[in-house]
N, C-alpha and C. Protein backbone atom coordinates (compact mmCIF):
# COMPACT_ATOMS: atom_id res chain seq x y z
N UNK A 1 47.63 22.58 -10.06
CA UNK A 1 47.01 21.71 -10.56
C UNK A 1 46.59 20.64 -9.53
N UNK A 2 45.29 20.52 -8.77
CA UNK A 2 45.41 19.49 -7.61
C UNK A 2 44.72 18.09 -8.53
N UNK A 3 45.09 16.89 -8.10
CA UNK A 3 45.22 15.68 -8.45
C UNK A 3 44.31 15.26 -7.07
N UNK A 4 42.65 14.70 -7.15
CA UNK A 4 41.68 13.88 -6.59
C UNK A 4 41.67 12.56 -6.62
N UNK A 5 41.84 11.90 -5.92
CA UNK A 5 42.08 10.21 -5.67
C UNK A 5 40.57 9.86 -4.35
N UNK A 6 40.00 9.48 -4.80
CA UNK A 6 38.70 8.98 -3.65
C UNK A 6 39.44 8.20 -2.59
N UNK A 7 39.10 8.58 -1.59
CA UNK A 7 39.73 7.74 -0.13
C UNK A 7 39.89 6.09 -0.31
N UNK A 8 40.57 5.48 0.59
CA UNK A 8 40.55 4.35 0.09
C UNK A 8 40.18 3.74 1.61
N UNK A 9 39.34 3.01 1.70
CA UNK A 9 38.20 2.38 2.94
C UNK A 9 39.72 1.79 3.74
N UNK A 10 40.21 1.49 4.79
CA UNK A 10 41.23 0.77 5.91
C UNK A 10 40.80 -0.63 5.76
N UNK A 11 41.61 -1.32 5.21
CA UNK A 11 41.51 -2.45 5.24
C UNK A 11 42.25 -3.22 6.58
N UNK A 12 41.53 -4.30 6.77
CA UNK A 12 42.15 -5.09 8.85
C UNK A 12 42.99 -6.49 7.25
N UNK A 13 44.51 -6.52 7.95
CA UNK A 13 45.29 -8.07 7.12
C UNK A 13 46.49 -8.14 8.44
N UNK A 14 46.83 -9.40 7.77
CA UNK A 14 47.84 -10.07 8.85
C UNK A 14 49.28 -10.17 8.28
N UNK A 15 49.94 -9.18 8.45
CA UNK A 15 51.19 -9.46 7.84
C UNK A 15 52.51 -8.94 8.50
N UNK A 16 53.17 -7.73 8.07
CA UNK A 16 54.42 -8.19 9.20
C UNK A 16 54.61 -6.76 10.24
N UNK A 17 53.74 -5.48 9.90
CA UNK A 17 53.96 -4.59 11.19
C UNK A 17 52.92 -4.64 12.03
N UNK A 18 53.70 -4.62 13.38
CA UNK A 18 53.00 -4.60 14.25
C UNK A 18 52.02 -3.41 14.81
N UNK A 19 50.96 -4.03 14.31
CA UNK A 19 50.22 -2.41 15.47
C UNK A 19 49.39 -3.29 16.73
N UNK A 20 48.91 -2.04 17.49
CA UNK A 20 48.56 -2.78 18.46
C UNK A 20 47.38 -3.65 18.49
N UNK A 21 46.84 -4.29 17.23
CA UNK A 21 45.90 -5.00 17.80
C UNK A 21 45.56 -6.06 16.05
N UNK A 22 46.97 -5.63 15.85
CA UNK A 22 47.18 -6.34 14.14
C UNK A 22 48.59 -6.59 13.96
N UNK A 23 48.76 -6.44 12.58
CA UNK A 23 50.22 -6.71 12.01
C UNK A 23 49.96 -5.92 10.17
N UNK A 24 50.65 -4.78 10.21
CA UNK A 24 50.71 -4.63 8.74
C UNK A 24 51.97 -4.87 7.89
N UNK A 25 52.26 -4.78 6.69
CA UNK A 25 53.50 -5.09 5.84
C UNK A 25 53.80 -3.29 5.60
N UNK A 26 54.63 -2.83 6.51
CA UNK A 26 55.78 -1.78 5.98
C UNK A 26 55.69 -1.42 4.86
N UNK A 27 56.25 -2.11 4.37
CA UNK A 27 56.83 -2.05 2.52
C UNK A 27 55.42 -1.57 1.73
N UNK A 28 54.02 -1.93 1.92
CA UNK A 28 53.34 -1.58 1.40
C UNK A 28 52.12 -1.29 2.03
N UNK A 29 51.85 -0.87 3.34
CA UNK A 29 50.52 -0.40 4.25
C UNK A 29 51.18 0.36 5.45
N UNK A 30 50.55 0.78 5.56
CA UNK A 30 50.23 1.87 6.82
C UNK A 30 49.46 1.04 8.06
N UNK A 31 50.13 1.13 8.97
CA UNK A 31 49.01 0.91 10.51
C UNK A 31 48.21 2.05 10.93
N UNK A 32 47.01 2.27 10.58
CA UNK A 32 46.11 3.54 11.22
C UNK A 32 44.81 3.03 12.28
N UNK A 33 44.78 3.78 12.91
CA UNK A 33 43.48 3.37 14.19
C UNK A 33 42.21 3.82 13.32
N UNK A 34 41.30 2.69 14.03
CA UNK A 34 40.05 2.67 13.41
C UNK A 34 39.13 3.26 14.29
N UNK A 35 37.93 3.66 13.66
CA UNK A 35 36.73 4.62 14.91
C UNK A 35 36.68 3.83 16.66
N UNK A 36 36.60 2.39 16.30
CA UNK A 36 36.69 2.03 17.81
C UNK A 36 38.39 1.80 18.35
N UNK A 37 38.39 2.62 19.29
CA UNK A 37 39.58 2.40 20.04
C UNK A 37 40.54 1.73 20.52
N UNK A 38 40.06 -0.03 19.82
CA UNK A 38 40.85 -0.92 20.44
C UNK A 38 41.05 -1.29 19.04
N UNK A 39 40.88 -0.84 17.95
CA UNK A 39 40.50 -1.58 16.65
C UNK A 39 41.69 -0.83 15.60
N UNK A 40 42.61 -1.34 15.11
CA UNK A 40 43.76 -0.85 14.26
C UNK A 40 43.39 -1.63 12.76
N UNK A 41 43.96 -0.74 11.37
CA UNK A 41 43.67 -1.69 10.06
C UNK A 41 44.90 -1.14 9.38
N UNK A 42 44.86 -1.72 8.39
CA UNK A 42 45.92 -1.25 7.40
C UNK A 42 45.61 -0.67 6.25
N UNK A 43 46.07 0.75 6.44
CA UNK A 43 45.56 1.20 4.42
C UNK A 43 46.83 0.93 3.98
N UNK A 44 45.88 0.68 2.63
CA UNK A 44 46.85 0.02 1.54
C UNK A 44 48.08 0.43 0.76
N UNK A 45 48.38 1.33 1.58
CA UNK A 45 49.48 2.72 0.99
C UNK A 45 50.88 2.84 1.90
N UNK A 46 52.23 2.54 1.70
CA UNK A 46 53.23 2.48 2.64
C UNK A 46 53.55 4.20 2.62
N UNK A 47 53.94 4.24 4.09
CA UNK A 47 53.78 6.11 4.92
C UNK A 47 52.25 6.51 4.49
N UNK A 48 51.11 6.30 4.49
CA UNK A 48 50.24 6.68 4.28
C UNK A 48 50.11 8.03 5.30
N UNK A 49 48.80 9.05 5.35
CA UNK A 49 48.24 9.35 6.17
C UNK A 49 47.13 9.16 6.32
N UNK A 50 46.71 8.92 7.81
CA UNK A 50 45.42 8.40 8.35
C UNK A 50 45.03 9.75 8.75
N UNK A 51 43.71 9.47 8.14
CA UNK A 51 42.91 10.69 8.49
C UNK A 51 41.81 10.81 9.70
N UNK A 52 42.11 11.83 9.96
CA UNK A 52 41.06 12.27 11.25
C UNK A 52 40.13 11.26 11.41
N UNK A 53 39.08 11.02 10.57
CA UNK A 53 37.89 10.22 10.73
C UNK A 53 38.00 8.78 11.26
N UNK A 54 39.32 8.14 11.11
CA UNK A 54 39.50 7.31 11.37
C UNK A 54 38.72 6.28 10.72
N UNK A 55 38.68 6.25 9.60
CA UNK A 55 37.95 5.56 8.37
C UNK A 55 38.23 5.25 7.34
N UNK A 56 39.29 6.68 6.74
CA UNK A 56 40.04 6.43 5.53
C UNK A 56 41.70 6.93 5.67
N UNK A 57 42.30 6.57 4.52
CA UNK A 57 43.14 7.01 4.64
C UNK A 57 43.59 7.62 3.32
N UNK A 58 44.99 8.36 2.93
CA UNK A 58 45.42 8.74 1.64
C UNK A 58 47.09 8.57 1.33
N UNK A 59 47.19 8.22 0.37
CA UNK A 59 48.47 7.96 -0.24
C UNK A 59 49.27 9.19 0.18
N UNK A 60 50.95 8.82 0.60
CA UNK A 60 51.86 9.74 1.06
C UNK A 60 52.09 11.17 -0.08
N UNK A 61 51.91 12.14 0.89
CA UNK A 61 51.84 13.15 -0.17
C UNK A 61 50.74 13.43 -1.23
N UNK A 62 50.02 13.44 -0.05
CA UNK A 62 48.35 13.59 -0.54
C UNK A 62 47.57 14.17 1.17
N UNK A 63 46.28 14.92 1.32
CA UNK A 63 45.91 15.32 2.50
C UNK A 63 44.38 15.04 2.65
N UNK A 64 43.61 14.65 3.46
CA UNK A 64 42.56 14.15 3.81
C UNK A 64 41.56 15.40 3.48
N UNK A 65 40.27 15.47 2.32
CA UNK A 65 39.85 15.84 2.35
C UNK A 65 37.91 15.38 2.91
N UNK A 66 37.87 15.42 3.95
CA UNK A 66 36.82 14.85 4.50
C UNK A 66 35.49 15.48 4.16
N UNK A 67 35.43 16.91 3.73
CA UNK A 67 34.06 17.44 3.34
C UNK A 67 33.63 16.67 2.22
N UNK A 68 34.24 16.43 1.39
CA UNK A 68 34.14 16.16 -0.28
C UNK A 68 34.61 14.65 -0.37
N UNK A 69 34.81 13.55 0.70
CA UNK A 69 35.41 12.71 0.77
C UNK A 69 36.49 12.51 -0.28
N UNK A 70 37.57 12.94 -0.22
CA UNK A 70 38.60 12.65 -1.40
C UNK A 70 39.99 13.27 -0.54
N UNK A 71 40.70 12.35 -1.56
CA UNK A 71 42.60 12.27 -1.31
C UNK A 71 42.92 13.94 -2.23
N UNK A 72 43.52 15.00 -1.64
CA UNK A 72 44.01 15.96 -2.66
C UNK A 72 45.77 16.07 -2.14
N UNK A 73 46.18 16.26 -3.36
CA UNK A 73 47.54 16.40 -3.49
C UNK A 73 48.21 17.53 -2.60
N UNK A 74 48.93 17.21 -1.62
CA UNK A 74 49.06 18.38 -1.03
C UNK A 74 50.22 19.17 -1.51
N UNK A 75 50.05 20.12 -1.18
CA UNK A 75 51.06 21.44 -2.05
C UNK A 75 52.17 21.34 -1.64
N UNK A 76 53.53 21.27 -2.27
CA UNK A 76 54.99 21.08 -1.96
C UNK A 76 55.52 22.74 -1.92
N UNK A 77 55.88 22.72 -0.86
CA UNK A 77 56.42 23.91 -0.85
C UNK A 77 57.92 24.11 -1.10
N UNK A 78 58.13 24.89 -2.23
CA UNK A 78 59.25 24.92 -3.38
C UNK A 78 60.60 26.34 -2.66
N UNK A 79 61.34 25.21 -2.46
CA UNK A 79 62.71 26.33 -2.10
C UNK A 79 62.61 27.59 -2.60
N UNK A 80 62.55 28.92 -1.87
CA UNK A 80 62.63 30.13 -2.68
C UNK A 80 63.75 31.12 -1.72
N UNK A 81 64.27 32.01 -2.56
CA UNK A 81 65.61 32.67 -2.47
C UNK A 81 64.71 34.04 -2.17
N UNK A 82 65.41 34.50 -0.83
CA UNK A 82 64.71 35.96 -0.58
C UNK A 82 65.58 37.16 -1.51
N UNK A 83 64.71 37.92 -2.47
CA UNK A 83 65.23 39.30 -3.12
C UNK A 83 65.12 40.32 -1.74
N UNK A 84 65.32 41.55 -2.21
CA UNK A 84 65.53 42.51 -1.66
C UNK A 84 63.78 42.95 -1.46
N UNK A 85 62.74 42.73 -2.45
CA UNK A 85 61.46 42.78 -2.27
C UNK A 85 60.94 41.73 -3.13
N UNK A 86 60.52 40.76 -2.16
CA UNK A 86 59.65 39.56 -2.67
C UNK A 86 60.60 38.29 -2.64
N UNK A 87 60.51 37.04 -3.09
CA UNK A 87 60.90 35.82 -3.31
C UNK A 87 60.65 35.37 -5.16
N UNK A 88 62.03 34.54 -4.72
CA UNK A 88 62.16 33.98 -6.40
C UNK A 88 61.99 32.30 -6.47
N UNK A 89 61.79 31.46 -6.87
CA UNK A 89 62.50 29.87 -6.90
C UNK A 89 63.78 29.57 -6.81
N UNK A 90 64.15 28.91 -6.10
CA UNK A 90 65.60 28.69 -5.91
C UNK A 90 66.38 28.44 -7.29
N UNK A 91 65.60 27.91 -8.21
CA UNK A 91 66.13 27.91 -9.64
C UNK A 91 66.07 28.95 -10.61
N UNK A 92 65.76 29.84 -9.66
CA UNK A 92 65.91 31.54 -10.70
C UNK A 92 67.02 32.40 -9.60
N UNK A 93 66.79 33.37 -10.84
CA UNK A 93 68.07 34.79 -9.90
C UNK A 93 66.99 35.58 -9.75
N UNK A 94 66.98 36.99 -8.56
CA UNK A 94 66.86 37.85 -8.72
C UNK A 94 67.44 38.85 -9.39
N UNK A 95 66.48 39.52 -10.18
CA UNK A 95 67.28 41.11 -10.82
C UNK A 95 66.50 42.49 -10.47
N UNK A 96 67.05 42.98 -10.75
CA UNK A 96 66.45 44.55 -10.43
C UNK A 96 65.81 45.09 -11.41
N UNK A 97 64.68 45.63 -11.42
CA UNK A 97 63.85 45.80 -12.69
C UNK A 97 64.13 47.76 -12.20
N UNK A 98 63.02 48.22 -13.18
CA UNK A 98 62.56 49.51 -13.12
C UNK A 98 61.53 49.86 -12.01
N UNK A 99 60.87 48.81 -11.96
CA UNK A 99 59.25 48.85 -11.04
C UNK A 99 59.72 47.74 -9.74
N UNK A 100 61.40 47.64 -9.43
CA UNK A 100 61.55 46.88 -8.49
C UNK A 100 62.32 45.78 -8.62
N UNK A 101 61.70 44.48 -8.37
CA UNK A 101 62.64 43.08 -8.66
C UNK A 101 61.83 42.05 -9.41
N UNK A 102 62.39 41.14 -9.83
CA UNK A 102 62.05 40.31 -10.64
C UNK A 102 62.64 39.05 -10.91
N UNK A 103 62.07 37.73 -10.88
CA UNK A 103 62.65 36.44 -11.23
C UNK A 103 63.31 36.18 -12.94
N UNK A 104 64.61 36.43 -12.85
CA UNK A 104 65.12 35.62 -14.18
C UNK A 104 64.89 33.86 -14.29
N UNK A 105 64.53 33.92 -15.24
CA UNK A 105 64.30 32.19 -15.16
C UNK A 105 65.42 31.42 -15.31
N UNK A 106 66.57 31.85 -14.99
CA UNK A 106 67.74 30.88 -15.30
C UNK A 106 68.38 31.29 -13.95
N UNK A 107 69.22 30.07 -13.44
CA UNK A 107 69.90 29.45 -12.43
C UNK A 107 71.55 30.73 -12.18
N UNK A 108 71.70 31.12 -10.91
CA UNK A 108 72.92 32.11 -10.87
C UNK A 108 72.98 33.45 -12.49
N UNK A 109 72.33 33.86 -12.79
CA UNK A 109 71.55 34.38 -14.38
C UNK A 109 72.57 35.49 -13.80
N UNK A 110 73.42 36.66 -15.18
CA UNK A 110 73.31 37.37 -14.97
C UNK A 110 72.36 38.66 -15.51
N UNK A 111 72.31 39.50 -14.77
CA UNK A 111 71.18 40.66 -14.95
C UNK A 111 71.48 41.20 -15.76
N UNK A 112 71.15 41.90 -17.16
CA UNK A 112 71.21 42.63 -17.86
C UNK A 112 71.37 44.63 -17.78
N UNK A 113 72.03 45.24 -17.64
CA UNK A 113 71.74 46.49 -17.56
C UNK A 113 70.41 47.38 -17.79
N UNK A 114 69.77 46.91 -18.60
CA UNK A 114 68.79 47.35 -19.20
C UNK A 114 67.24 46.97 -18.33
N UNK A 115 67.46 46.60 -16.96
CA UNK A 115 66.81 46.06 -16.19
C UNK A 115 65.17 45.22 -16.84
N UNK A 116 66.04 44.69 -17.56
CA UNK A 116 64.65 43.82 -18.51
C UNK A 116 65.02 42.53 -18.64
N UNK A 117 66.27 42.23 -19.13
CA UNK A 117 66.40 40.90 -19.60
C UNK A 117 67.38 40.68 -18.95
N UNK A 118 68.01 39.33 -18.57
CA UNK A 118 68.83 38.38 -18.34
C UNK A 118 69.24 37.44 -18.93
N UNK A 119 70.29 37.02 -18.53
CA UNK A 119 71.06 35.81 -19.30
C UNK A 119 71.62 34.54 -18.79
N UNK A 120 71.87 33.64 -18.91
CA UNK A 120 72.02 32.22 -18.18
C UNK A 120 73.63 32.23 -18.02
N UNK A 121 74.08 31.76 -16.66
CA UNK A 121 75.25 31.86 -16.48
C UNK A 121 76.59 31.49 -17.25
N UNK A 122 77.47 32.37 -17.51
CA UNK A 122 78.64 31.67 -18.39
C UNK A 122 78.41 32.78 -19.87
N UNK A 123 77.22 33.51 -19.75
CA UNK A 123 76.58 34.50 -20.88
C UNK A 123 76.72 35.92 -20.07
N UNK A 124 76.98 36.65 -21.76
CA UNK A 124 76.77 38.06 -20.96
C UNK A 124 75.70 38.89 -22.24
N UNK A 125 75.23 40.19 -21.43
CA UNK A 125 74.17 40.81 -22.07
C UNK A 125 74.62 41.42 -23.60
N UNK A 126 74.41 41.56 -24.39
CA UNK A 126 74.56 42.12 -25.93
C UNK A 126 73.62 43.12 -26.07
N UNK A 127 73.17 43.97 -25.14
CA UNK A 127 71.85 44.79 -25.29
C UNK A 127 71.72 45.53 -26.62
N UNK A 128 72.67 45.90 -27.14
CA UNK A 128 72.62 46.24 -29.20
C UNK A 128 72.03 45.21 -30.32
N UNK A 129 72.29 43.99 -29.57
CA UNK A 129 71.33 43.34 -30.57
C UNK A 129 70.79 42.19 -30.03
N UNK A 130 70.45 42.72 -28.62
CA UNK A 130 69.45 41.73 -27.65
C UNK A 130 69.98 40.32 -28.02
N UNK A 131 70.88 39.86 -27.03
CA UNK A 131 71.48 38.51 -27.13
C UNK A 131 72.16 38.67 -26.15
N UNK A 132 72.41 37.15 -25.86
CA UNK A 132 73.38 37.23 -25.07
C UNK A 132 74.29 36.21 -25.32
N UNK A 133 75.37 36.70 -25.07
CA UNK A 133 76.73 36.04 -25.98
C UNK A 133 77.33 35.09 -24.74
N UNK A 134 78.38 34.16 -25.20
CA UNK A 134 78.99 33.26 -24.49
C UNK A 134 79.83 32.71 -25.91
N UNK A 135 81.10 32.69 -26.11
CA UNK A 135 82.29 32.69 -26.85
C UNK A 135 81.51 33.52 -28.32
N UNK A 136 81.43 32.00 -29.22
CA UNK A 136 80.74 32.17 -30.48
C UNK A 136 79.22 32.04 -30.20
N UNK A 137 78.75 31.72 -29.23
CA UNK A 137 77.35 30.97 -29.34
C UNK A 137 76.09 32.26 -28.91
N UNK A 138 75.23 32.44 -29.67
CA UNK A 138 74.46 33.35 -28.92
C UNK A 138 72.93 33.19 -28.72
N UNK A 139 72.25 33.41 -28.09
CA UNK A 139 70.87 33.38 -27.54
C UNK A 139 70.14 34.73 -27.64
N UNK A 140 68.80 34.67 -28.26
CA UNK A 140 68.23 35.49 -28.25
C UNK A 140 67.48 35.73 -27.39
N UNK A 141 67.34 36.98 -26.43
CA UNK A 141 66.73 37.30 -25.43
C UNK A 141 65.35 38.17 -26.00
């Protein structure tokens, strides 16, 4: 889901981060170049993204959408693990299926021999009862 924020126009202020033609407070602002090559402004976000139009900025973790004049949350690349065919998030386990490979929703899981189910780490598959078994604890699969 994309979160949308409207652009924030750069504000010129005098605090503590030195820009070529002024200062900004680095804990609350970011120094950005303005349209005039000799002018700089303070974006009201720390570690902000300065937009290429040199008139707007977006908070950290967002990117500039100049077409719609808004900030769009940047997509975060989730760490992945490579399976024999495809990938799974690093918080899941690659398990063989009849039709190739799939992702079990448990990290370091035990893939069941039926190639359709998996159990969390520390549990074993009890396919006759459709359960994952650990000592005396049961989880239905």
